[in-house]
Each structure stands twice: as C-alpha cells, then as structure tokens.
C-alpha cells in the first residue's frame, strides 16, 4: 500500500492513544497518596487466648518469686546456724529402708 496517505494519520492516532493510555494508568502525582488504614478488630477468641497466656506467665512469675523467697529464707537459716558454730545444720536426709 504505497502512497496511502492514511499511514501518517494512523501513527498519529496510535501516539495519541498510547499517551492517553499511559496517562490514565499513571497515578496522579498532584496530590499525595493517602495511606489506607485498615482497622484491626480483635475478636473475643483472640482476647481469651491472650488473657490465658498472660495468666500463665503471671502464675509462673509469682510461683518463681515464692520459690526464690523460700530458698533465700532457708539459706539464711542455714547460714545463721553455721555462723553460730553449730554442727548438723543441714536438714536430716532420710534413707529409704532396704
């Protein structure tokens, strides 16, 4: 199709289409993009699980504190006994009968 005068017109239309398409798909830079805030809603099941885990750690910490305090009191009692020069300060160990 040599000599067809429509070829220049087709290229111009193609360029206009490409430019319009590229402008339509590009984000608008005139206004800053607002971040989308997705609101997280905690369910009752998740709250129960979190409360159970926190309760477990609370019991663990309180139990560990009680054990540590008793061990310190026992050690202080043993140290006082040894400082007074007494013998047999350790609690008796019972042997099993054979």
C-alpha atoms as a PDB file:
ATOM      1  CA  UNK A   1       0.000   0.000   0.000  1.00  0.00           C
ATOM      2  CA  UNK A   2       2.470   2.530  -1.111  1.00  0.00           C
ATOM      3  CA  UNK A   3       1.231   6.041  -1.461  1.00  0.00           C
ATOM      4  CA  UNK A   4      -1.573   5.646   1.028  1.00  0.00           C
ATOM      5  CA  UNK A   5      -1.954   8.940   2.854  1.00  0.00           C
ATOM      6  CA  UNK A   6      -3.675   7.306   5.869  1.00  0.00           C
ATOM      7  CA  UNK A   7      -0.444   5.851   7.274  1.00  0.00           C
ATOM      8  CA  UNK A   8       0.630   9.135   8.897  1.00  0.00           C
ATOM      9  CA  UNK A   9      -2.832   9.569  10.315  1.00  0.00           C
ATOM     10  CA  UNK A  10      -2.734   6.042  11.825  1.00  0.00           C
ATOM     11  CA  UNK A  11       0.612   6.725  13.524  1.00  0.00           C
ATOM     12  CA  UNK A  12      -0.646   9.995  14.977  1.00  0.00           C
ATOM     13  CA  UNK A  13      -3.768   8.269  16.300  1.00  0.00           C
ATOM     14  CA  UNK A  14      -1.602   5.471  17.748  1.00  0.00           C
ATOM     15  CA  UNK A  15       0.651   8.002  19.509  1.00  0.00           C
ATOM     16  CA  UNK A  16      -2.372   9.808  20.952  1.00  0.00           C
ATOM     17  CA  UNK A  17      -3.842   6.518  22.153  1.00  0.00           C
ATOM     18  CA  UNK A  18      -0.573   5.444  23.808  1.00  0.00           C
ATOM     19  CA  UNK A  19      -0.196   8.823  25.509  1.00  0.00           C
ATOM     20  CA  UNK A  20      -3.805   8.838  26.747  1.00  0.00           C
ATOM     21  CA  UNK A  21      -3.457   5.226  27.970  1.00  0.00           C
ATOM     22  CA  UNK A  22      -0.178   5.897  29.798  1.00  0.00           C
ATOM     23  CA  UNK A  23      -1.644   8.990  31.475  1.00  0.00           C
ATOM     24  CA  UNK A  24      -4.717   7.048  32.527  1.00  0.00           C
ATOM     25  CA  UNK A  25      -2.684   4.258  34.131  1.00  0.00           C
ATOM     26  CA  UNK A  26      -0.179   6.509  35.930  1.00  0.00           C
ATOM     27  CA  UNK A  27      -1.036   7.619  39.461  1.00  0.00           C
ATOM     28  CA  UNK A  28      -1.979  11.241  39.935  1.00  0.00           C
ATOM     29  CA  UNK A  29       1.087  12.967  41.406  1.00  0.00           C
ATOM     30  CA  UNK A  30      -0.618  16.296  42.056  1.00  0.00           C
ATOM     31  CA  UNK A  31      -1.980  15.093  45.429  1.00  0.00           C
ATOM     32  CA  UNK A  32      -0.057  12.936  47.915  1.00  0.00           C
ATOM     33  CA  UNK A  33      -1.398   9.438  48.276  1.00  0.00           C
ATOM     34  CA  UNK A  34      -3.307   8.897  51.485  1.00  0.00           C
ATOM     35  CA  UNK A  35      -2.315   5.687  53.311  1.00  0.00           C
ATOM     36  CA  UNK A  36      -5.125   3.233  53.570  1.00  0.00           C
ATOM     37  CA  UNK A  37      -5.917   2.500  57.178  1.00  0.00           C
ATOM     38  CA  UNK A  38      -7.204  -0.984  57.731  1.00  0.00           C
ATOM     39  CA  UNK A  39      -8.785  -1.113  61.137  1.00  0.00           C
ATOM     40  CA  UNK A  40      -7.932  -4.303  63.027  1.00  0.00           C
ATOM     41  CA  UNK A  41     -10.701  -5.566  65.250  1.00  0.00           C
ATOM     42  CA  UNK A  42      -9.690  -8.057  67.925  1.00  0.00           C
ATOM     43  CA  UNK A  43     -12.087 -10.968  68.357  1.00  0.00           C
ATOM     44  CA  UNK A  44     -13.247 -12.419  71.663  1.00  0.00           C
ATOM     45  CA  UNK A  45     -11.333 -15.630  70.945  1.00  0.00           C
ATOM     46  CA  UNK A  46      -8.070 -13.737  70.492  1.00  0.00           C
ATOM     47  CA  UNK A  47      -8.659 -11.833  73.745  1.00  0.00           C
ATOM     48  CA  UNK A  48      -9.265 -15.090  75.636  1.00  0.00           C
ATOM     49  CA  UNK A  49      -6.068 -16.614  74.254  1.00  0.00           C
ATOM     50  CA  UNK A  50      -4.056 -13.516  75.126  1.00  0.00           C
ATOM     51  CA  UNK A  51      -5.528 -13.442  78.648  1.00  0.00           C
ATOM     52  CA  UNK A  52      -4.733 -17.140  79.157  1.00  0.00           C
ATOM     53  CA  UNK A  53      -1.114 -16.628  78.044  1.00  0.00           C
ATOM     54  CA  UNK A  54      -0.741 -13.596  80.320  1.00  0.00           C
ATOM     55  CA  UNK A  55      -2.261 -15.519  83.251  1.00  0.00           C
ATOM     56  CA  UNK A  56       0.175 -18.390  82.662  1.00  0.00           C
ATOM     57  CA  UNK A  57       3.169 -16.025  82.743  1.00  0.00           C
ATOM     58  CA  UNK A  58       1.804 -14.254  85.832  1.00  0.00           C
ATOM     59  CA  UNK A  59       1.438 -17.578  87.686  1.00  0.00           C
ATOM     60  CA  UNK A  60       4.921 -18.587  86.531  1.00  0.00           C
ATOM     61  CA  UNK A  61       6.483 -15.342  87.784  1.00  0.00           C
ATOM     62  CA  UNK A  62       4.620 -15.393  91.129  1.00  0.00           C
ATOM     63  CA  UNK A  63       5.460 -19.080  91.662  1.00  0.00           C
ATOM     64  CA  UNK A  64       9.108 -18.425  90.820  1.00  0.00           C
ATOM     65  CA  UNK A  65       9.160 -15.498  93.252  1.00  0.00           C
ATOM     66  CA  UNK A  66       7.703 -17.601  96.065  1.00  0.00           C
ATOM     67  CA  UNK A  67      10.191 -20.403  95.392  1.00  0.00           C
ATOM     68  CA  UNK A  68      13.098 -17.935  95.334  1.00  0.00           C
ATOM     69  CA  UNK A  69      11.983 -16.285  98.590  1.00  0.00           C
ATOM     70  CA  UNK A  70      11.681 -19.682 100.339  1.00  0.00           C
ATOM     71  CA  UNK A  71      15.118 -20.720  99.067  1.00  0.00           C
ATOM     72  CA  UNK A  72      16.620 -17.467 100.379  1.00  0.00           C
ATOM     73  CA  UNK A  73      14.940 -17.901 103.796  1.00  0.00           C
ATOM     74  CA  UNK A  74      16.220 -21.466 104.052  1.00  0.00           C
ATOM     75  CA  UNK A  75      19.747 -20.389 103.068  1.00  0.00           C
ATOM     76  CA  UNK A  76      19.658 -17.593 105.662  1.00  0.00           C
ATOM     77  CA  UNK A  77      18.589 -20.061 108.334  1.00  0.00           C
ATOM     78  CA  UNK A  78      21.448 -22.387 107.340  1.00  0.00           C
ATOM     79  CA  UNK A  79      23.966 -19.504 107.324  1.00  0.00           C
ATOM     80  CA  UNK A  80      22.831 -18.378 110.804  1.00  0.00           C
ATOM     81  CA  UNK A  81      23.239 -21.919 112.105  1.00  0.00           C
ATOM     82  CA  UNK A  82      26.775 -22.257 110.677  1.00  0.00           C
ATOM     83  CA  UNK A  83      27.744 -18.755 111.923  1.00  0.00           C
ATOM     84  CA  UNK A  84      26.826 -19.803 115.486  1.00  0.00           C
ATOM     85  CA  UNK A  85      29.231 -22.737 115.205  1.00  0.00           C
ATOM     86  CA  UNK A  86      26.630 -25.452 115.455  1.00  0.00           C
ATOM     87  CA  UNK A  87      27.019 -28.812 113.779  1.00  0.00           C
ATOM     88  CA  UNK A  88      24.379 -30.715 111.834  1.00  0.00           C
ATOM     89  CA  UNK A  89      22.750 -27.526 110.477  1.00  0.00           C
ATOM     90  CA  UNK A  90      21.512 -29.176 107.300  1.00  0.00           C
ATOM     91  CA  UNK A  91      18.078 -30.754 107.429  1.00  0.00           C
ATOM     92  CA  UNK A  92      18.192 -34.509 108.009  1.00  0.00           C
ATOM     93  CA  UNK A  93      18.115 -36.778 104.972  1.00  0.00           C
ATOM     94  CA  UNK A  94      16.071 -39.888 105.487  1.00  0.00           C
ATOM     95  CA  UNK A  95      17.404 -43.045 103.888  1.00  0.00           C
ATOM     96  CA  UNK A  96      14.979 -45.485 102.407  1.00  0.00           C
ATOM     97  CA  UNK A  97      14.689 -48.857 104.139  1.00  0.00           C
ATOM     98  CA  UNK A  98      16.094 -51.787 102.211  1.00  0.00           C
END
